Amino acid sequence: MSRLRRSYSSASGRGRQHSPHLPHCAARGNCLRPRPAIGSESVGAAHPRIVPARTESRGPRIARRLSSRSDKDRAGAGPTGAQPAGEGRRVGEKARAGRDVGFPFEIAFQPIVDVLDRTIWAYEALARGGQGESAHWVLAHVNDENGRAFDEGSIARAMQRAMAEDLGGRLHVNIRPSAIEHAVVSVDTIIEAASGLGFEPSRLTLELTEGERPLERSSLAALAVACRPHGIRTALDDLGAGHGDLNLLADFQPDYVKIGRYLVADIDSDRARRAIVSGLLAMCRTLGIEPIGEGVERPEELKVLRDLGVSKVQGFLFAYPEIDRAEFDEVVFPTI
């Protein structure tokens, strides 16, 4: 095991094609779902949570912190990097929207790591209930009446927490399909919120998932065009789990695709899954899309992904989604 380095990949430009759950740090369909395997779910608790099973196979825990600002910046920004009084007041109101949507929610973070550099490359923001309930519990409480407040509030809250926790690297946030198609959340809304908080928009990656129905191509194309001038990147979440992923890629090429748990599970022993993922990776190389493996739970799965050329991954093998900084700031890099 080697100690994590304190540098991280540049948030601007494609460079080495780096990038690794905004509007939905909270709404990530399948990806906001607690992943199965490693660990157990305490079903008897009033509010179920995933309880990590710290097994020896995961190796020692290694503390890793990415700083988004220099020491000089932090000295002048105050204890939580807050902007000057009066700035971002509207953003701050949105960030507290959990009190206005009719139910409490929090933002958890899960690291996305670079297995070649052995560093945390990004954090994905994920919605959890006020008592640690799953994302599905959260989304079940979102409706037509509180949808806009939730979408905008979760965007602001993800960026606000990233600033307060001094998280560096990229920030991946999830967008509900309906928020895009119905223009509930626009790139202008995102830029306004980021500007009020002093958060650099080019650090953002918007993750899109099909959920229970196909995404609308025209809306996605318009979103991508609006994002480019600001350096905001896009990602297609859970590739292989949607209704028409490949058809969608014919019309919309995001910066990243996340190969979902359904294809990653047991890829070391399943020839069909390995062949499918190998084909998807060849397609990504041709289209200039960087792949991210998610839902990685065993060292054997990680080894296959790495051997196939996937360097950005996330999953329970490395870290669980956590609300408390002391927890989500620790990552395990297994020996493979």
Protein backbone atom coordinates (compact mmCIF):
# COMPACT_ATOMS: atom_id res chain seq x y z
CA MET A 1 0.00 0.00 0.00
CA SER A 2 1.35 3.44 -0.86
CA ARG A 3 0.15 6.67 0.70
CA LEU A 4 -2.07 8.80 -1.45
CA ARG A 5 -0.45 11.79 -3.07
CA ARG A 6 -1.83 15.25 -2.40
CA SER A 7 -2.11 16.32 -6.01
CA TYR A 8 -5.07 15.81 -8.28
CA SER A 9 -5.85 16.02 -11.97
CA SER A 10 -6.60 19.39 -13.47
CA ALA A 11 -10.28 20.24 -13.60
CA SER A 12 -9.97 22.02 -16.91
CA GLY A 13 -9.45 20.66 -20.37
CA ARG A 14 -9.58 17.04 -21.35
CA GLY A 15 -5.86 16.49 -21.01
CA ARG A 16 -5.48 12.83 -20.18
CA GLN A 17 -9.22 12.43 -20.68
CA HIS A 18 -9.71 12.51 -16.90
CA SER A 19 -12.95 13.15 -15.26
CA PRO A 20 -15.19 11.02 -13.07
CA HIS A 21 -23.41 10.79 -7.96
CA LEU A 22 -25.83 18.99 -9.94
CA PRO A 23 -29.01 19.05 -9.83
CA HIS A 24 -28.94 15.73 -8.39
CA CYS A 25 -26.31 15.22 -6.28
CA ALA A 26 -29.53 14.14 -5.15
CA ALA A 27 -31.27 12.41 -7.84
CA ARG A 28 -29.30 9.71 -9.27
CA GLY A 29 -31.76 7.04 -10.12
CA ASN A 30 -29.94 3.74 -9.93
CA CYS A 31 -26.68 5.28 -8.81
CA LEU A 32 -28.17 6.87 -5.76
CA ARG A 33 -29.31 3.45 -4.71
CA PRO A 34 -27.12 1.88 -2.04
CA ARG A 35 -25.11 -0.70 -3.92
CA PRO A 36 -25.37 -4.31 -2.81
CA ALA A 37 -22.57 -6.51 -1.59
CA ILE A 38 -19.68 -5.55 0.67
CA GLY A 39 -21.33 -4.53 3.88
CA SER A 40 -24.80 -5.20 5.20
CA GLU A 41 -27.95 -3.14 5.48
CA SER A 42 -29.41 -2.67 8.94
CA VAL A 43 -33.01 -3.30 7.97
CA GLY A 44 -34.25 -3.26 11.55
CA ALA A 45 -33.28 0.37 12.08
CA ALA A 46 -35.89 3.07 11.76
CA HIS A 47 -33.86 4.58 8.93
CA PRO A 48 -31.90 1.93 6.99
CA ARG A 49 -28.29 2.70 6.27
CA ILE A 50 -25.47 0.78 4.67
CA VAL A 51 -23.09 -0.48 7.32
CA PRO A 52 -19.65 -1.13 5.84
CA ALA A 53 -18.09 -4.48 6.58
CA ARG A 54 -14.45 -3.63 7.16
CA THR A 55 -12.87 -6.84 5.96
CA GLU A 56 -9.19 -7.62 5.89
CA SER A 57 -9.34 -8.02 2.12
CA ARG A 58 -9.95 -4.30 1.78
CA GLY A 59 -6.61 -3.58 3.39
CA PRO A 60 -5.77 -0.67 5.70
CA ARG A 61 -7.70 2.57 5.46
CA ILE A 62 -5.69 5.49 4.12
CA ALA A 63 -6.66 9.07 4.90
CA ARG A 64 -6.75 11.24 1.77
CA ARG A 65 -7.65 14.88 1.46
CA LEU A 66 -7.88 17.03 -1.64
CA SER A 67 -7.73 20.76 -1.08
CA SER A 68 -9.64 22.94 -3.51
CA ARG A 69 -7.95 26.16 -2.41
CA SER A 70 -4.48 27.34 -1.54
CA ASP A 71 -3.53 28.17 2.05
CA LYS A 72 -3.56 31.84 1.07
CA ASP A 73 -7.09 31.55 -0.29
CA ARG A 74 -8.29 29.78 2.84
CA ALA A 75 -6.72 32.41 5.11
CA GLY A 76 -8.78 35.12 3.47
CA ALA A 77 -11.97 33.17 3.06
CA GLY A 78 -12.86 32.46 6.65
CA PRO A 79 -13.40 29.12 8.38
CA THR A 80 -15.73 27.68 5.76
CA GLY A 81 -14.65 29.59 2.68
CA ALA A 82 -17.74 31.78 2.87
CA GLN A 83 -18.14 34.60 0.39
CA PRO A 84 -18.35 38.24 1.57
CA ALA A 85 -21.57 39.24 3.32
CA GLY A 86 -24.40 39.83 0.88
CA GLU A 87 -22.99 37.68 -1.89
CA GLY A 88 -24.81 34.53 -2.85
CA ARG A 89 -27.77 35.29 -0.58
CA ARG A 90 -30.16 33.73 -3.04
CA VAL A 91 -27.87 30.75 -3.43
CA GLY A 92 -27.76 30.34 0.32
CA GLU A 93 -31.54 30.30 0.42
CA LYS A 94 -31.59 27.57 -2.19
CA ALA A 95 -28.98 25.61 -0.29
CA ARG A 96 -31.33 25.51 2.68
CA ALA A 97 -34.18 24.32 0.49
CA GLY A 98 -34.34 21.07 2.41
CA ARG A 99 -36.52 22.94 4.89
CA ASP A 100 -38.83 24.12 2.11
CA VAL A 101 -39.42 20.92 0.14
CA GLY A 102 -41.33 19.26 2.94
CA PHE A 103 -38.64 16.79 4.05
CA PRO A 104 -35.02 16.99 5.22
CA PHE A 105 -32.18 15.81 3.03
CA GLU A 106 -28.41 15.79 3.23
CA ILE A 107 -25.56 15.44 0.73
CA ALA A 108 -23.22 12.48 0.97
CA PHE A 109 -19.99 12.14 -0.99
CA GLN A 110 -18.29 9.12 -2.53
CA PRO A 111 -14.77 9.40 -3.97
CA ILE A 112 -13.97 8.49 -7.58
CA VAL A 113 -10.37 7.37 -7.71
CA ASP A 114 -7.59 7.17 -10.26
CA VAL A 115 -6.13 3.71 -9.83
CA LEU A 116 -3.01 4.56 -11.83
CA ASP A 117 -2.09 7.67 -9.85
CA ARG A 118 -3.60 6.19 -6.67
CA THR A 119 -5.35 9.48 -5.89
CA ILE A 120 -8.88 10.72 -5.35
CA TRP A 121 -9.76 12.28 -8.67
CA ALA A 122 -13.31 13.47 -7.96
CA TYR A 123 -16.23 13.24 -5.55
CA GLU A 124 -19.77 12.30 -6.46
CA ALA A 125 -22.50 14.08 -4.51
CA LEU A 126 -25.44 11.87 -3.53
CA ALA A 127 -28.72 12.64 -1.77
CA ARG A 128 -29.61 11.04 1.53
CA GLY A 129 -32.49 11.65 3.91
CA GLY A 130 -32.04 13.71 7.04
CA GLN A 131 -31.62 10.51 9.07
CA GLY A 132 -29.48 8.71 6.48
CA GLU A 133 -32.34 7.27 4.40
CA SER A 134 -31.48 6.08 0.89
CA ALA A 135 -31.72 8.20 -2.25
CA HIS A 136 -34.82 6.26 -3.25
CA TRP A 137 -36.48 7.44 -0.06
CA VAL A 138 -35.52 11.00 -0.98
CA LEU A 139 -36.77 10.77 -4.56
CA ALA A 140 -40.02 9.20 -3.44
CA HIS A 141 -40.75 12.48 -1.66
CA VAL A 142 -40.04 14.68 -4.69
CA ASN A 143 -43.13 15.66 -6.66
CA ASP A 144 -44.42 18.34 -9.04
CA GLU A 145 -44.95 20.80 -6.22
CA ASN A 146 -41.52 20.64 -4.59
CA GLY A 147 -39.48 19.42 -7.57
CA ARG A 148 -38.02 22.80 -8.52
CA ALA A 149 -37.07 23.72 -4.96
CA PHE A 150 -35.45 20.32 -4.53
CA ASP A 151 -33.54 20.47 -7.83
CA GLU A 152 -32.16 23.95 -7.23
CA GLY A 153 -31.58 23.36 -3.52
CA SER A 154 -29.62 20.16 -4.07
CA ILE A 155 -27.44 21.84 -6.70
CA ALA A 156 -26.53 24.68 -4.38
CA ARG A 157 -26.11 22.42 -1.38
CA ALA A 158 -23.66 20.11 -3.20
CA MET A 159 -21.44 23.01 -4.22
CA GLN A 160 -21.80 24.71 -0.85
CA ARG A 161 -20.74 21.58 1.02
CA ALA A 162 -17.85 20.97 -1.37
CA MET A 163 -16.62 24.48 -0.62
CA ALA A 164 -17.18 24.18 3.13
CA GLU A 165 -15.42 20.81 3.26
CA ASP A 166 -12.61 22.15 1.06
CA LEU A 167 -12.97 19.34 -1.46
CA GLY A 168 -10.72 19.54 -4.49
CA GLY A 169 -10.88 17.78 -7.85
CA ARG A 170 -14.07 17.41 -9.85
CA LEU A 171 -17.56 17.38 -8.39
CA HIS A 172 -20.04 14.99 -9.99
CA VAL A 173 -23.69 15.77 -9.49
CA ASN A 174 -26.80 14.04 -10.82
CA ILE A 175 -29.64 15.52 -12.82
CA ARG A 176 -33.12 14.05 -13.04
CA PRO A 177 -34.28 13.64 -16.67
CA SER A 178 -37.45 15.61 -15.96
CA ALA A 179 -35.42 18.56 -14.68
CA ILE A 180 -33.73 18.80 -18.08
CA GLU A 181 -36.72 18.11 -20.29
CA HIS A 182 -39.00 20.55 -18.46
CA ALA A 183 -36.27 23.19 -18.14
CA VAL A 184 -36.58 23.09 -14.34
CA VAL A 185 -32.82 23.47 -14.06
CA SER A 186 -30.79 25.34 -16.67
CA VAL A 187 -27.09 25.93 -17.11
CA ASP A 188 -27.77 29.59 -16.26
CA THR A 189 -29.18 28.47 -12.90
CA ILE A 190 -26.06 26.41 -12.26
CA ILE A 191 -23.69 29.23 -13.21
CA GLU A 192 -25.60 31.69 -11.03
CA ALA A 193 -25.39 29.39 -8.03
CA ALA A 194 -21.70 28.64 -8.60
CA SER A 195 -20.87 32.32 -8.99
CA GLY A 196 -22.62 33.21 -5.73
CA LEU A 197 -20.63 30.56 -3.88
CA GLY A 198 -17.30 31.21 -5.56
CA PHE A 199 -17.33 27.68 -6.97
CA GLU A 200 -15.56 27.17 -10.30
CA PRO A 201 -18.15 25.80 -12.80
CA SER A 202 -15.48 23.97 -14.82
CA ARG A 203 -15.07 21.57 -11.89
CA LEU A 204 -18.62 20.27 -12.40
CA THR A 205 -19.70 17.10 -14.17
CA LEU A 206 -23.44 16.62 -14.68
CA GLU A 207 -24.42 12.96 -14.56
CA LEU A 208 -27.47 11.89 -16.51
CA THR A 209 -29.34 8.64 -16.03
CA GLU A 210 -32.27 7.16 -17.91
CA GLY A 211 -34.00 5.85 -14.85
CA GLU A 212 -37.34 4.36 -15.80
CA ARG A 213 -37.63 5.91 -19.24
CA PRO A 214 -35.37 7.00 -22.10
CA LEU A 215 -33.74 10.40 -22.01
CA GLU A 216 -34.80 12.85 -24.63
CA ARG A 217 -31.98 13.40 -27.13
CA SER A 218 -32.81 16.97 -28.13
CA SER A 219 -32.78 18.11 -24.49
CA LEU A 220 -29.43 16.42 -23.88
CA ALA A 221 -27.89 17.93 -26.99
CA ALA A 222 -29.05 21.40 -25.92
CA LEU A 223 -27.65 20.85 -22.43
CA ALA A 224 -24.25 19.79 -23.78
CA VAL A 225 -24.06 22.84 -26.05
CA ALA A 226 -24.90 25.15 -23.13
CA CYS A 227 -22.30 23.49 -20.86
CA ARG A 228 -19.29 23.71 -23.17
CA PRO A 229 -18.54 27.45 -22.93
CA HIS A 230 -18.34 27.13 -19.14
CA GLY A 231 -16.18 23.99 -19.11
CA ILE A 232 -18.95 21.96 -17.45
CA ARG A 233 -18.75 18.31 -18.45
CA THR A 234 -21.42 15.69 -18.91
CA ALA A 235 -21.57 11.99 -18.10
CA LEU A 236 -23.99 9.20 -18.98
CA ASP A 237 -24.62 7.22 -15.83
CA ASP A 238 -25.11 3.47 -15.49
CA LEU A 239 -24.23 2.52 -19.05
CA GLY A 240 -25.74 -0.89 -19.71
CA ALA A 241 -28.71 -0.45 -17.38
CA GLY A 242 -30.91 1.87 -19.45
CA HIS A 243 -33.47 1.35 -22.18
CA GLY A 244 -31.44 2.66 -25.08
CA ASP A 245 -27.92 3.60 -24.03
CA LEU A 246 -26.27 2.80 -27.35
CA ASN A 247 -28.98 4.53 -29.38
CA LEU A 248 -28.53 7.57 -27.16
CA LEU A 249 -24.78 7.63 -27.75
CA ALA A 250 -25.39 7.82 -31.49
CA ASP A 251 -26.85 11.32 -31.00
CA PHE A 252 -25.22 12.49 -27.78
CA GLN A 253 -21.57 11.93 -26.86
CA PRO A 254 -20.89 12.93 -23.24
CA ASP A 255 -17.42 13.49 -21.83
CA TYR A 256 -17.71 10.35 -19.70
CA VAL A 257 -19.74 7.19 -19.50
CA LYS A 258 -20.07 5.26 -16.26
CA ILE A 259 -20.10 1.51 -16.75
CA GLY A 260 -22.67 0.34 -14.23
CA ARG A 261 -22.60 -2.33 -11.58
CA TYR A 262 -24.73 -4.63 -13.71
CA LEU A 263 -21.84 -5.08 -16.14
CA VAL A 264 -19.03 -4.79 -13.59
CA ALA A 265 -20.35 -7.49 -11.23
CA ASP A 266 -18.29 -10.68 -11.56
CA ILE A 267 -16.62 -9.44 -14.72
CA ASP A 268 -13.56 -11.45 -13.70
CA SER A 269 -15.45 -14.74 -14.09
CA ASP A 270 -18.18 -13.86 -16.59
CA ARG A 271 -16.97 -14.05 -20.20
CA ALA A 272 -20.08 -12.37 -21.58
CA ARG A 273 -19.75 -9.33 -19.33
CA ARG A 274 -16.06 -9.02 -20.06
CA ALA A 275 -16.68 -9.17 -23.81
CA ILE A 276 -19.47 -6.57 -23.62
CA VAL A 277 -17.40 -4.17 -21.53
CA SER A 278 -14.42 -4.64 -23.83
CA GLY A 279 -16.61 -3.69 -26.79
CA LEU A 280 -18.01 -0.66 -24.98
CA LEU A 281 -14.52 0.54 -24.15
CA ALA A 282 -13.46 0.24 -27.80
CA MET A 283 -16.47 2.34 -28.75
CA CYS A 284 -15.57 4.95 -26.11
CA ARG A 285 -12.03 5.22 -27.43
CA THR A 286 -13.34 5.80 -30.96
CA LEU A 287 -15.79 8.47 -29.78
CA GLY A 288 -13.33 10.19 -27.45
CA ILE A 289 -15.34 9.37 -24.32
CA GLU A 290 -13.59 8.49 -21.07
CA PRO A 291 -15.03 5.49 -19.19
CA ILE A 292 -15.51 5.28 -15.43
CA GLY A 293 -16.15 1.95 -13.75
CA GLU A 294 -18.65 2.12 -10.91
CA GLY A 295 -19.94 -0.33 -8.36
CA VAL A 296 -16.52 -1.98 -8.00
CA GLU A 297 -16.68 -4.21 -4.95
CA ARG A 298 -13.94 -6.80 -5.33
CA PRO A 299 -10.21 -6.58 -6.20
CA GLU A 300 -10.74 -9.12 -8.99
CA GLU A 301 -13.24 -6.82 -10.70
CA LEU A 302 -10.86 -3.91 -10.35
CA LYS A 303 -8.01 -5.86 -11.90
CA VAL A 304 -10.04 -6.73 -15.00
CA LEU A 305 -11.17 -3.12 -15.45
CA ARG A 306 -7.64 -1.85 -15.06
CA ASP A 307 -6.30 -4.42 -17.52
CA LEU A 308 -8.97 -3.32 -20.01
CA GLY A 309 -7.80 0.29 -19.70
CA VAL A 310 -10.22 1.79 -17.17
CA SER A 311 -8.31 4.05 -14.78
CA LYS A 312 -11.18 5.92 -13.06
CA VAL A 313 -13.36 3.84 -10.75
CA GLN A 314 -15.58 4.07 -7.71
CA GLY A 315 -17.31 1.60 -5.45
CA PHE A 316 -17.48 0.02 -2.03
CA LEU A 317 -14.03 -1.51 -2.55
CA PHE A 318 -12.57 1.96 -2.08
CA ALA A 319 -15.07 3.95 -0.05
CA TYR A 320 -18.74 4.17 0.84
CA PRO A 321 -20.94 7.24 0.34
CA GLU A 322 -20.69 9.17 3.60
CA ILE A 323 -22.10 12.38 5.00
CA ASP A 324 -19.38 12.94 7.62
CA ARG A 325 -16.04 14.24 6.34
CA ALA A 326 -14.07 11.94 8.62
CA GLU A 327 -15.60 8.99 6.76
CA PHE A 328 -15.77 10.03 3.10
CA ASP A 329 -12.22 11.35 3.23
CA GLU A 330 -10.77 7.87 3.66
CA VAL A 331 -10.02 5.56 0.77
CA VAL A 332 -8.58 2.07 0.41
CA PHE A 333 -6.34 1.11 -2.48
CA PRO A 334 -6.15 -2.70 -2.56
CA THR A 335 -3.11 -4.52 -3.89
CA ILE A 336 -3.96 -6.23 -7.19
